[in-house]
């Protein structure tokens, strides 16, 4: 997991994760329109990862994506919804990023355990 500032764009924040991307040819990355950038798609392709990212509205050359695979993204959104059931995470009581990240990790562990 990686925590970025709230105003940081998804594809800019994803640059932090480039070195940790797996080197598998059979991996699929499903992302929303925030991850639609040529640089991010190239980084995924260099690692052999297939991208299922819908193109942004004003894109000159929209990339193709599989709508059937994209429907699986709801699983990730469901996890975010479960995390937001935790009041401390949803309202971001913690001012320090490390304490907030710890609260997210504890909430995720409890959600997974139950």
N, C-alpha and C. Protein backbone atom coordinates (compact mmCIF):
# COMPACT_ATOMS: atom_id res chain seq x y z
N UNK A 1 0.84 -1.17 0.00
CA UNK A 1 0.00 0.00 0.00
C UNK A 1 0.89 1.23 0.00
N UNK A 2 0.36 2.26 -0.60
CA UNK A 2 1.09 3.51 -0.70
C UNK A 2 0.13 4.65 -0.42
N UNK A 3 0.53 5.59 0.40
CA UNK A 3 -0.30 6.72 0.77
C UNK A 3 0.27 7.98 0.12
N UNK A 4 -0.57 8.69 -0.63
CA UNK A 4 -0.15 9.93 -1.27
C UNK A 4 -1.05 11.07 -0.81
N UNK A 5 -0.67 12.28 -1.14
CA UNK A 5 -1.48 13.45 -0.79
C UNK A 5 -2.80 13.38 -1.53
N UNK A 6 -3.84 13.97 -0.96
CA UNK A 6 -5.17 13.90 -1.54
C UNK A 6 -5.28 14.56 -2.89
N UNK A 7 -4.48 15.59 -3.16
CA UNK A 7 -4.56 16.30 -4.42
C UNK A 7 -3.67 15.69 -5.51
N UNK A 8 -2.95 14.62 -5.19
CA UNK A 8 -2.07 13.98 -6.15
C UNK A 8 -2.88 13.12 -7.11
N UNK A 9 -2.59 13.26 -8.39
CA UNK A 9 -3.28 12.47 -9.41
C UNK A 9 -2.91 10.99 -9.25
N UNK A 10 -3.82 10.11 -9.62
CA UNK A 10 -3.58 8.67 -9.47
C UNK A 10 -2.35 8.21 -10.25
N UNK A 11 -2.25 8.63 -11.51
CA UNK A 11 -1.13 8.13 -12.31
C UNK A 11 0.20 8.73 -11.87
N UNK A 12 0.19 9.90 -11.25
CA UNK A 12 1.42 10.48 -10.70
C UNK A 12 1.82 9.72 -9.44
N UNK A 13 0.85 9.42 -8.57
CA UNK A 13 1.13 8.65 -7.36
C UNK A 13 1.55 7.23 -7.66
N UNK A 14 1.11 6.69 -8.79
CA UNK A 14 1.47 5.32 -9.16
C UNK A 14 2.94 5.19 -9.53
N UNK A 15 3.60 6.30 -9.86
CA UNK A 15 5.03 6.25 -10.20
C UNK A 15 5.86 5.69 -9.05
N UNK A 16 5.40 5.91 -7.83
CA UNK A 16 6.10 5.40 -6.66
C UNK A 16 6.12 3.87 -6.67
N UNK A 17 5.09 3.28 -7.24
CA UNK A 17 4.95 1.83 -7.22
C UNK A 17 5.63 1.11 -8.38
N UNK A 18 6.17 1.85 -9.35
CA UNK A 18 6.80 1.21 -10.52
C UNK A 18 7.81 0.13 -10.13
N UNK A 19 8.76 0.40 -9.21
CA UNK A 19 9.75 -0.63 -8.89
C UNK A 19 9.16 -1.88 -8.24
N UNK A 20 7.99 -1.76 -7.63
CA UNK A 20 7.41 -2.90 -6.93
C UNK A 20 6.44 -3.70 -7.79
N UNK A 21 6.23 -3.30 -9.03
CA UNK A 21 5.32 -4.04 -9.90
C UNK A 21 5.89 -5.43 -10.18
N UNK A 22 5.05 -6.45 -10.19
CA UNK A 22 5.55 -7.81 -10.45
C UNK A 22 6.01 -7.97 -11.90
N UNK A 23 6.87 -8.92 -12.13
CA UNK A 23 7.42 -9.17 -13.46
C UNK A 23 6.75 -10.37 -14.12
N UNK A 24 5.45 -10.46 -14.04
CA UNK A 24 4.72 -11.60 -14.58
C UNK A 24 4.03 -11.22 -15.88
N UNK A 25 3.95 -12.15 -16.79
CA UNK A 25 3.26 -11.89 -18.04
C UNK A 25 1.77 -12.14 -17.97
N UNK A 26 1.30 -12.80 -16.93
CA UNK A 26 -0.11 -13.15 -16.84
C UNK A 26 -0.87 -12.28 -15.84
N UNK A 27 -0.33 -11.13 -15.49
CA UNK A 27 -0.94 -10.24 -14.50
C UNK A 27 -1.79 -9.18 -15.19
N UNK A 28 -2.91 -8.85 -14.59
CA UNK A 28 -3.82 -7.84 -15.12
C UNK A 28 -3.96 -6.72 -14.11
N UNK A 29 -3.82 -5.48 -14.55
CA UNK A 29 -4.01 -4.32 -13.69
C UNK A 29 -5.30 -3.64 -14.12
N UNK A 30 -6.27 -3.58 -13.20
CA UNK A 30 -7.53 -2.91 -13.48
C UNK A 30 -7.52 -1.58 -12.73
N UNK A 31 -7.66 -0.49 -13.46
CA UNK A 31 -7.64 0.82 -12.84
C UNK A 31 -8.72 1.70 -13.42
N UNK A 32 -9.02 2.79 -12.71
CA UNK A 32 -10.03 3.71 -13.22
C UNK A 32 -9.38 4.73 -14.16
N UNK A 33 -10.16 5.69 -14.61
CA UNK A 33 -9.67 6.66 -15.59
C UNK A 33 -8.53 7.52 -15.06
N UNK A 34 -8.38 7.60 -13.75
CA UNK A 34 -7.29 8.36 -13.16
C UNK A 34 -5.92 7.80 -13.49
N UNK A 35 -5.85 6.52 -13.82
CA UNK A 35 -4.58 5.88 -14.16
C UNK A 35 -4.29 5.91 -15.66
N UNK A 36 -5.12 6.55 -16.44
CA UNK A 36 -4.95 6.58 -17.89
C UNK A 36 -3.88 7.61 -18.29
N UNK A 37 -2.67 7.13 -18.46
CA UNK A 37 -1.59 7.95 -18.99
C UNK A 37 -0.68 7.04 -19.81
N UNK A 38 -0.09 7.61 -20.84
CA UNK A 38 0.80 6.82 -21.69
C UNK A 38 1.98 6.28 -20.90
N UNK A 39 2.53 7.10 -19.99
CA UNK A 39 3.68 6.69 -19.20
C UNK A 39 3.34 5.49 -18.31
N UNK A 40 2.19 5.51 -17.68
CA UNK A 40 1.79 4.40 -16.81
C UNK A 40 1.54 3.14 -17.63
N UNK A 41 0.89 3.28 -18.76
CA UNK A 41 0.65 2.12 -19.62
C UNK A 41 1.97 1.52 -20.11
N UNK A 42 2.94 2.36 -20.44
CA UNK A 42 4.25 1.87 -20.89
C UNK A 42 4.98 1.15 -19.77
N UNK A 43 4.88 1.66 -18.54
CA UNK A 43 5.52 1.01 -17.40
C UNK A 43 4.91 -0.37 -17.16
N UNK A 44 3.60 -0.48 -17.29
CA UNK A 44 2.94 -1.78 -17.14
C UNK A 44 3.37 -2.74 -18.25
N UNK A 45 3.42 -2.22 -19.47
CA UNK A 45 3.80 -3.06 -20.61
C UNK A 45 5.24 -3.55 -20.47
N UNK A 46 6.13 -2.70 -19.95
CA UNK A 46 7.53 -3.09 -19.77
C UNK A 46 7.68 -4.24 -18.77
N UNK A 47 6.77 -4.31 -17.82
CA UNK A 47 6.80 -5.40 -16.84
C UNK A 47 5.99 -6.61 -17.29
N UNK A 48 5.34 -6.51 -18.45
CA UNK A 48 4.55 -7.63 -18.97
C UNK A 48 3.17 -7.71 -18.34
N UNK A 49 2.65 -6.59 -17.85
CA UNK A 49 1.35 -6.56 -17.20
C UNK A 49 0.32 -6.00 -18.17
N UNK A 50 -0.80 -6.67 -18.29
CA UNK A 50 -1.89 -6.19 -19.14
C UNK A 50 -2.65 -5.09 -18.40
N UNK A 51 -3.02 -4.04 -19.13
CA UNK A 51 -3.75 -2.93 -18.52
C UNK A 51 -5.21 -2.95 -18.96
N UNK A 52 -6.09 -2.83 -17.99
CA UNK A 52 -7.53 -2.71 -18.26
C UNK A 52 -7.96 -1.38 -17.64
N UNK A 53 -7.69 -0.30 -18.38
CA UNK A 53 -7.94 1.05 -17.90
C UNK A 53 -8.76 1.78 -18.97
N UNK A 54 -9.95 2.26 -18.64
CA UNK A 54 -10.73 2.99 -19.63
C UNK A 54 -10.07 4.34 -19.94
N UNK A 55 -10.18 4.81 -21.18
CA UNK A 55 -9.55 6.09 -21.54
C UNK A 55 -10.29 7.28 -20.95
N UNK A 56 -9.53 8.34 -20.68
CA UNK A 56 -10.16 9.59 -20.23
C UNK A 56 -11.02 10.16 -21.34
N UNK A 57 -11.93 11.02 -21.00
CA UNK A 57 -12.91 11.55 -21.94
C UNK A 57 -12.27 12.32 -23.09
N UNK A 58 -11.33 13.19 -22.82
CA UNK A 58 -10.76 14.05 -23.85
C UNK A 58 -9.50 13.51 -24.51
N UNK A 59 -9.24 12.23 -24.40
CA UNK A 59 -8.00 11.64 -24.94
C UNK A 59 -8.05 11.60 -26.46
N UNK A 60 -6.93 12.01 -27.10
CA UNK A 60 -6.86 12.04 -28.57
C UNK A 60 -6.85 10.65 -29.18
N UNK A 61 -6.06 9.76 -28.61
CA UNK A 61 -6.01 8.38 -29.12
C UNK A 61 -6.41 7.43 -27.98
N UNK A 62 -7.71 7.18 -27.81
CA UNK A 62 -8.16 6.34 -26.71
C UNK A 62 -7.69 4.89 -26.85
N UNK A 63 -7.24 4.33 -25.74
CA UNK A 63 -6.80 2.94 -25.71
C UNK A 63 -8.00 2.03 -25.49
N UNK A 64 -7.91 0.85 -26.02
CA UNK A 64 -8.98 -0.14 -25.86
C UNK A 64 -8.87 -0.80 -24.49
N UNK A 65 -10.00 -1.23 -23.95
CA UNK A 65 -10.02 -1.98 -22.70
C UNK A 65 -11.20 -2.94 -22.73
N UNK A 66 -11.11 -3.99 -21.93
CA UNK A 66 -12.16 -5.01 -21.88
C UNK A 66 -13.19 -4.64 -20.82
N UNK A 67 -14.40 -4.37 -21.24
CA UNK A 67 -15.44 -3.97 -20.31
C UNK A 67 -15.82 -5.10 -19.35
N UNK A 68 -15.70 -6.33 -19.80
CA UNK A 68 -16.02 -7.48 -18.95
C UNK A 68 -15.03 -7.58 -17.80
N UNK A 69 -13.74 -7.44 -18.10
CA UNK A 69 -12.73 -7.48 -17.05
C UNK A 69 -12.85 -6.27 -16.14
N UNK A 70 -13.19 -5.11 -16.70
CA UNK A 70 -13.29 -3.88 -15.90
C UNK A 70 -14.39 -3.97 -14.86
N UNK A 71 -15.39 -4.79 -15.10
CA UNK A 71 -16.48 -4.95 -14.14
C UNK A 71 -15.99 -5.58 -12.83
N UNK A 72 -14.83 -6.23 -12.84
CA UNK A 72 -14.28 -6.83 -11.62
C UNK A 72 -13.72 -5.78 -10.66
N UNK A 73 -13.62 -4.54 -11.11
CA UNK A 73 -13.07 -3.46 -10.29
C UNK A 73 -13.94 -3.18 -9.07
N UNK A 74 -15.18 -3.60 -9.09
CA UNK A 74 -16.07 -3.36 -7.96
C UNK A 74 -15.54 -4.00 -6.69
N UNK A 75 -14.74 -5.05 -6.81
CA UNK A 75 -14.19 -5.71 -5.62
C UNK A 75 -13.25 -4.77 -4.86
N UNK A 76 -12.47 -4.00 -5.59
CA UNK A 76 -11.59 -3.02 -4.96
C UNK A 76 -12.41 -1.91 -4.33
N UNK A 77 -13.42 -1.43 -5.04
CA UNK A 77 -14.27 -0.37 -4.51
C UNK A 77 -15.02 -0.84 -3.27
N UNK A 78 -15.40 -2.12 -3.23
CA UNK A 78 -16.06 -2.67 -2.04
C UNK A 78 -15.13 -2.63 -0.83
N UNK A 79 -13.83 -2.90 -1.06
CA UNK A 79 -12.87 -2.84 0.04
C UNK A 79 -12.73 -1.42 0.57
N UNK A 80 -12.69 -0.44 -0.33
CA UNK A 80 -12.62 0.96 0.12
C UNK A 80 -13.88 1.31 0.91
N UNK A 81 -15.02 0.82 0.49
CA UNK A 81 -16.26 1.09 1.21
C UNK A 81 -16.21 0.49 2.61
N UNK A 82 -15.66 -0.71 2.73
CA UNK A 82 -15.54 -1.34 4.05
C UNK A 82 -14.57 -0.56 4.94
N UNK A 83 -13.49 -0.05 4.35
CA UNK A 83 -12.54 0.76 5.13
C UNK A 83 -13.21 2.04 5.63
N UNK A 84 -14.08 2.60 4.82
CA UNK A 84 -14.75 3.84 5.21
C UNK A 84 -15.82 3.62 6.26
N UNK A 85 -16.15 2.37 6.55
CA UNK A 85 -17.04 2.09 7.68
C UNK A 85 -16.35 2.42 9.00
N UNK A 86 -15.03 2.44 8.97
CA UNK A 86 -14.24 2.81 10.15
C UNK A 86 -14.19 4.34 10.20
N UNK A 87 -14.82 4.89 11.20
CA UNK A 87 -14.95 6.35 11.30
C UNK A 87 -13.60 7.05 11.28
N UNK A 88 -12.63 6.49 11.96
CA UNK A 88 -11.30 7.10 12.03
C UNK A 88 -10.67 7.21 10.64
N UNK A 89 -10.89 6.22 9.79
CA UNK A 89 -10.34 6.23 8.43
C UNK A 89 -11.16 7.16 7.53
N UNK A 90 -12.47 7.09 7.63
CA UNK A 90 -13.33 7.87 6.74
C UNK A 90 -13.17 9.37 6.94
N UNK A 91 -12.99 9.80 8.19
CA UNK A 91 -12.90 11.24 8.46
C UNK A 91 -11.47 11.73 8.60
N UNK A 92 -10.52 10.82 8.56
CA UNK A 92 -9.09 11.12 8.67
C UNK A 92 -8.79 11.99 9.89
N UNK A 93 -9.03 11.40 11.05
CA UNK A 93 -8.74 12.09 12.31
C UNK A 93 -7.25 12.34 12.47
N UNK A 94 -6.42 11.43 12.01
CA UNK A 94 -4.98 11.51 12.23
C UNK A 94 -4.36 12.52 11.28
N UNK A 95 -3.56 13.41 11.82
CA UNK A 95 -2.90 14.42 11.00
C UNK A 95 -1.61 13.91 10.37
N UNK A 96 -0.95 13.00 11.04
CA UNK A 96 0.31 12.47 10.51
C UNK A 96 0.03 11.29 9.59
N UNK A 97 0.75 11.25 8.48
CA UNK A 97 0.53 10.21 7.46
C UNK A 97 0.84 8.81 8.01
N UNK A 98 1.89 8.68 8.82
CA UNK A 98 2.25 7.35 9.32
C UNK A 98 1.19 6.80 10.28
N UNK A 99 0.59 7.67 11.08
CA UNK A 99 -0.46 7.22 12.00
C UNK A 99 -1.72 6.87 11.22
N UNK A 100 -2.04 7.66 10.19
CA UNK A 100 -3.20 7.37 9.35
C UNK A 100 -3.01 6.05 8.61
N UNK A 101 -1.82 5.82 8.08
CA UNK A 101 -1.53 4.57 7.38
C UNK A 101 -1.65 3.38 8.33
N UNK A 102 -1.21 3.55 9.57
CA UNK A 102 -1.33 2.48 10.56
C UNK A 102 -2.80 2.16 10.83
N UNK A 103 -3.64 3.19 10.91
CA UNK A 103 -5.07 2.97 11.12
C UNK A 103 -5.69 2.22 9.95
N UNK A 104 -5.28 2.55 8.73
CA UNK A 104 -5.77 1.85 7.54
C UNK A 104 -5.36 0.38 7.58
N UNK A 105 -4.11 0.13 7.94
CA UNK A 105 -3.60 -1.25 7.98
C UNK A 105 -4.33 -2.06 9.05
N UNK A 106 -4.54 -1.47 10.21
CA UNK A 106 -5.26 -2.19 11.28
C UNK A 106 -6.69 -2.49 10.82
N UNK A 107 -7.35 -1.51 10.22
CA UNK A 107 -8.72 -1.72 9.72
C UNK A 107 -8.75 -2.82 8.66
N UNK A 108 -7.79 -2.82 7.74
CA UNK A 108 -7.75 -3.83 6.68
C UNK A 108 -7.52 -5.23 7.27
N UNK A 109 -6.67 -5.33 8.28
CA UNK A 109 -6.42 -6.63 8.90
C UNK A 109 -7.68 -7.15 9.58
N UNK A 110 -8.38 -6.28 10.31
CA UNK A 110 -9.60 -6.71 11.00
C UNK A 110 -10.68 -7.10 9.98
N UNK A 111 -10.81 -6.33 8.91
CA UNK A 111 -11.79 -6.66 7.87
C UNK A 111 -11.46 -8.00 7.24
N UNK A 112 -10.19 -8.24 6.95
CA UNK A 112 -9.77 -9.51 6.36
C UNK A 112 -10.01 -10.66 7.33
N UNK A 113 -9.72 -10.43 8.61
CA UNK A 113 -9.86 -11.49 9.62
C UNK A 113 -11.31 -11.89 9.81
N UNK A 114 -12.21 -10.90 9.74
CA UNK A 114 -13.62 -11.22 9.95
C UNK A 114 -14.19 -11.75 8.67
